[in-house]
Amino acid sequence: MENTLMTLFLIDCVVMIACVMMQPAKNDNDSMSALTGGSGDLFSRRKARGFEAVMQIVTVIVGNHFLCSCFGAGLRFLTLVVSASV
């Protein structure tokens, strides 16, 4: 059971990293524009369309699964520690 949960957790970690890395950049400028004062549209909202929208949804779903699996692994570890100390 623990090996299965750990394997699913590791797969989820890799998928989450891949989802974040596949997302397109939010701006067309170089990264130094925010440091030099050229960030006029830094906080402007753009509606995601197409591939960007799909990747945002997939990232949210995978992120929620990641948080739930972290919580589950923590509870499992906690029950193992408490049962070992009794």
N, C-alpha and C. Protein backbone atom coordinates (compact mmCIF):
# COMPACT_ATOMS: atom_id res chain seq x y z
N MET A 1 0.82 -1.19 0.00
CA MET A 1 0.00 0.00 0.00
C MET A 1 0.87 1.27 0.00
N GLU A 2 1.87 1.28 0.88
CA GLU A 2 2.73 2.46 0.96
C GLU A 2 3.56 2.63 -0.30
N ASN A 3 4.01 1.53 -0.88
CA ASN A 3 4.79 1.61 -2.12
C ASN A 3 3.93 2.14 -3.27
N THR A 4 2.69 1.73 -3.32
CA THR A 4 1.78 2.21 -4.36
C THR A 4 1.52 3.70 -4.22
N LEU A 5 1.27 4.15 -2.99
CA LEU A 5 1.05 5.58 -2.75
C LEU A 5 2.28 6.40 -3.08
N MET A 6 3.45 5.89 -2.72
CA MET A 6 4.68 6.63 -3.02
C MET A 6 4.95 6.68 -4.51
N THR A 7 4.64 5.61 -5.23
CA THR A 7 4.82 5.59 -6.68
C THR A 7 3.87 6.59 -7.34
N LEU A 8 2.61 6.61 -6.92
CA LEU A 8 1.66 7.58 -7.46
C LEU A 8 2.08 9.01 -7.14
N PHE A 9 2.62 9.22 -5.96
CA PHE A 9 3.09 10.55 -5.57
C PHE A 9 4.26 10.99 -6.46
N LEU A 10 5.20 10.10 -6.72
CA LEU A 10 6.33 10.45 -7.57
C LEU A 10 5.91 10.71 -9.01
N ILE A 11 4.96 9.93 -9.52
CA ILE A 11 4.44 10.16 -10.87
C ILE A 11 3.74 11.51 -10.92
N ASP A 12 2.99 11.83 -9.88
CA ASP A 12 2.31 13.12 -9.82
C ASP A 12 3.31 14.27 -9.79
N CYS A 13 4.41 14.10 -9.09
CA CYS A 13 5.44 15.14 -9.05
C CYS A 13 6.01 15.39 -10.44
N VAL A 14 6.31 14.34 -11.17
CA VAL A 14 6.88 14.48 -12.52
C VAL A 14 5.87 15.12 -13.47
N VAL A 15 4.62 14.71 -13.38
CA VAL A 15 3.58 15.27 -14.25
C VAL A 15 3.36 16.75 -13.93
N MET A 16 3.41 17.11 -12.66
CA MET A 16 3.23 18.51 -12.29
C MET A 16 4.38 19.37 -12.81
N ILE A 17 5.59 18.89 -12.71
CA ILE A 17 6.74 19.63 -13.23
C ILE A 17 6.61 19.79 -14.74
N ALA A 18 6.20 18.73 -15.42
CA ALA A 18 6.03 18.81 -16.87
C ALA A 18 4.93 19.80 -17.26
N CYS A 19 3.83 19.82 -16.51
CA CYS A 19 2.74 20.76 -16.81
C CYS A 19 3.19 22.21 -16.64
N VAL A 20 3.92 22.47 -15.59
CA VAL A 20 4.38 23.84 -15.36
C VAL A 20 5.39 24.25 -16.42
N MET A 21 6.27 23.35 -16.81
CA MET A 21 7.29 23.68 -17.80
C MET A 21 6.70 23.83 -19.20
N MET A 22 5.58 23.19 -19.49
CA MET A 22 4.97 23.28 -20.82
C MET A 22 4.12 24.53 -21.00
N GLN A 23 3.82 25.25 -19.93
CA GLN A 23 3.00 26.44 -20.06
C GLN A 23 3.77 27.53 -20.80
N PRO A 24 3.09 28.21 -21.71
CA PRO A 24 3.77 29.29 -22.43
C PRO A 24 4.03 30.49 -21.52
N ALA A 25 4.97 31.32 -21.92
CA ALA A 25 5.31 32.50 -21.14
C ALA A 25 4.15 33.49 -21.16
N LYS A 26 4.00 34.23 -20.08
CA LYS A 26 2.90 35.19 -19.97
C LYS A 26 3.20 36.48 -20.73
N ASN A 27 4.46 36.80 -20.93
CA ASN A 27 4.79 38.06 -21.60
C ASN A 27 5.74 37.79 -22.77
N ASP A 28 5.81 38.76 -23.66
CA ASP A 28 6.69 38.64 -24.81
C ASP A 28 8.02 39.33 -24.57
N ASN A 29 8.14 40.08 -23.49
CA ASN A 29 9.36 40.81 -23.20
C ASN A 29 10.38 39.90 -22.53
N ASP A 30 11.59 40.40 -22.42
CA ASP A 30 12.59 39.62 -21.70
C ASP A 30 12.36 39.75 -20.21
N SER A 31 12.99 38.93 -19.42
CA SER A 31 12.75 38.91 -17.98
C SER A 31 13.29 40.13 -17.27
N MET A 32 14.20 40.85 -17.88
CA MET A 32 14.77 42.03 -17.25
C MET A 32 13.83 43.23 -17.30
N SER A 33 12.78 43.20 -18.08
CA SER A 33 11.90 44.36 -18.18
C SER A 33 11.19 44.64 -16.86
N ALA A 34 10.95 43.62 -16.06
CA ALA A 34 10.31 43.84 -14.77
C ALA A 34 11.27 44.54 -13.80
N LEU A 35 12.55 44.30 -13.95
CA LEU A 35 13.53 44.92 -13.06
C LEU A 35 13.88 46.34 -13.47
N THR A 36 13.72 46.66 -14.74
CA THR A 36 14.11 47.98 -15.22
C THR A 36 12.96 48.97 -15.27
N GLY A 37 11.80 48.60 -14.80
CA GLY A 37 10.68 49.51 -14.78
C GLY A 37 9.76 49.38 -15.98
N GLY A 38 9.99 48.44 -16.86
CA GLY A 38 9.15 48.25 -18.03
C GLY A 38 8.04 47.27 -17.80
N SER A 39 7.45 47.30 -16.64
CA SER A 39 6.43 46.32 -16.28
C SER A 39 5.04 46.93 -16.28
N GLY A 40 4.71 47.72 -17.27
CA GLY A 40 3.41 48.38 -17.33
C GLY A 40 2.26 47.40 -17.43
N ASP A 41 2.47 46.31 -18.13
CA ASP A 41 1.41 45.32 -18.27
C ASP A 41 1.70 44.06 -17.47
N LEU A 42 2.48 44.19 -16.40
CA LEU A 42 2.84 43.03 -15.60
C LEU A 42 1.61 42.43 -14.91
N PHE A 43 0.73 43.29 -14.43
CA PHE A 43 -0.44 42.80 -13.70
C PHE A 43 -1.71 42.85 -14.52
N SER A 44 -1.61 43.06 -15.80
CA SER A 44 -2.81 43.08 -16.63
C SER A 44 -3.33 41.66 -16.80
N ARG A 45 -4.63 41.54 -16.88
CA ARG A 45 -5.26 40.22 -16.99
C ARG A 45 -5.54 39.92 -18.45
N ARG A 46 -5.09 38.77 -18.89
CA ARG A 46 -5.40 38.30 -20.23
C ARG A 46 -6.13 36.99 -20.11
N LYS A 47 -7.15 36.81 -20.89
CA LYS A 47 -7.89 35.56 -20.87
C LYS A 47 -7.10 34.52 -21.64
N ALA A 48 -6.87 33.39 -20.99
CA ALA A 48 -6.13 32.31 -21.63
C ALA A 48 -7.01 31.64 -22.69
N ARG A 49 -6.41 31.33 -23.81
CA ARG A 49 -7.15 30.68 -24.90
C ARG A 49 -6.34 29.51 -25.45
N GLY A 50 -7.06 28.52 -25.92
CA GLY A 50 -6.41 27.40 -26.60
C GLY A 50 -5.54 26.57 -25.68
N PHE A 51 -4.30 26.35 -26.13
CA PHE A 51 -3.37 25.49 -25.41
C PHE A 51 -3.07 26.03 -24.02
N GLU A 52 -2.95 27.34 -23.91
CA GLU A 52 -2.65 27.95 -22.62
C GLU A 52 -3.77 27.68 -21.61
N ALA A 53 -5.01 27.76 -22.04
CA ALA A 53 -6.14 27.50 -21.16
C ALA A 53 -6.17 26.04 -20.71
N VAL A 54 -5.90 25.15 -21.64
CA VAL A 54 -5.88 23.71 -21.31
C VAL A 54 -4.78 23.42 -20.30
N MET A 55 -3.60 24.02 -20.52
CA MET A 55 -2.49 23.77 -19.61
C MET A 55 -2.76 24.35 -18.22
N GLN A 56 -3.45 25.48 -18.14
CA GLN A 56 -3.80 26.03 -16.84
C GLN A 56 -4.75 25.10 -16.09
N ILE A 57 -5.73 24.56 -16.79
CA ILE A 57 -6.69 23.65 -16.16
C ILE A 57 -6.00 22.37 -15.71
N VAL A 58 -5.15 21.81 -16.57
CA VAL A 58 -4.43 20.59 -16.23
C VAL A 58 -3.52 20.83 -15.03
N THR A 59 -2.86 21.99 -14.98
CA THR A 59 -1.98 22.30 -13.86
C THR A 59 -2.75 22.42 -12.56
N VAL A 60 -3.93 23.02 -12.61
CA VAL A 60 -4.76 23.13 -11.40
C VAL A 60 -5.19 21.75 -10.92
N ILE A 61 -5.60 20.90 -11.83
CA ILE A 61 -6.04 19.55 -11.46
C ILE A 61 -4.89 18.75 -10.87
N VAL A 62 -3.74 18.77 -11.54
CA VAL A 62 -2.58 18.02 -11.06
C VAL A 62 -2.09 18.60 -9.73
N GLY A 63 -2.14 19.93 -9.58
CA GLY A 63 -1.74 20.56 -8.33
C GLY A 63 -2.64 20.16 -7.17
N ASN A 64 -3.94 20.09 -7.42
CA ASN A 64 -4.86 19.64 -6.38
C ASN A 64 -4.62 18.19 -6.00
N HIS A 65 -4.36 17.36 -7.00
CA HIS A 65 -4.05 15.96 -6.72
C HIS A 65 -2.76 15.84 -5.93
N PHE A 66 -1.78 16.68 -6.26
CA PHE A 66 -0.50 16.69 -5.54
C PHE A 66 -0.71 17.06 -4.07
N LEU A 67 -1.51 18.11 -3.82
CA LEU A 67 -1.76 18.52 -2.43
C LEU A 67 -2.51 17.44 -1.66
N CYS A 68 -3.47 16.82 -2.30
CA CYS A 68 -4.21 15.74 -1.62
C CYS A 68 -3.32 14.54 -1.32
N SER A 69 -2.43 14.21 -2.25
CA SER A 69 -1.53 13.08 -2.01
C SER A 69 -0.51 13.42 -0.94
N CYS A 70 -0.08 14.68 -0.86
CA CYS A 70 0.82 15.10 0.23
C CYS A 70 0.12 14.97 1.57
N PHE A 71 -1.13 15.41 1.61
CA PHE A 71 -1.91 15.32 2.84
C PHE A 71 -2.11 13.85 3.23
N GLY A 72 -2.44 13.01 2.25
CA GLY A 72 -2.62 11.59 2.53
C GLY A 72 -1.35 10.91 2.99
N ALA A 73 -0.23 11.25 2.38
CA ALA A 73 1.05 10.67 2.79
C ALA A 73 1.42 11.12 4.19
N GLY A 74 1.12 12.39 4.51
CA GLY A 74 1.39 12.88 5.85
C GLY A 74 0.55 12.18 6.90
N LEU A 75 -0.72 11.96 6.59
CA LEU A 75 -1.58 11.24 7.53
C LEU A 75 -1.11 9.80 7.71
N ARG A 76 -0.70 9.19 6.60
CA ARG A 76 -0.22 7.80 6.68
C ARG A 76 1.04 7.72 7.54
N PHE A 77 1.96 8.67 7.35
CA PHE A 77 3.18 8.70 8.14
C PHE A 77 2.85 8.94 9.61
N LEU A 78 1.90 9.83 9.87
CA LEU A 78 1.52 10.14 11.24
C LEU A 78 0.93 8.92 11.94
N THR A 79 0.09 8.17 11.23
CA THR A 79 -0.48 6.97 11.86
C THR A 79 0.58 5.91 12.10
N LEU A 80 1.58 5.82 11.22
CA LEU A 80 2.66 4.86 11.44
C LEU A 80 3.51 5.25 12.64
N VAL A 81 3.76 6.54 12.82
CA VAL A 81 4.57 7.00 13.95
C VAL A 81 3.81 6.80 15.25
N VAL A 82 2.52 7.13 15.25
CA VAL A 82 1.73 6.98 16.48
C VAL A 82 1.59 5.50 16.84
N SER A 83 1.36 4.63 15.87
CA SER A 83 1.20 3.21 16.17
C SER A 83 2.53 2.59 16.60
N ALA A 84 3.65 3.12 16.13
CA ALA A 84 4.94 2.58 16.54
C ALA A 84 5.31 3.01 17.96
N SER A 85 4.82 4.16 18.39
CA SER A 85 5.16 4.65 19.72
C SER A 85 4.28 4.04 20.81
N VAL A 86 3.16 3.41 20.43
CA VAL A 86 2.25 2.83 21.43
C VAL A 86 2.70 1.47 21.84
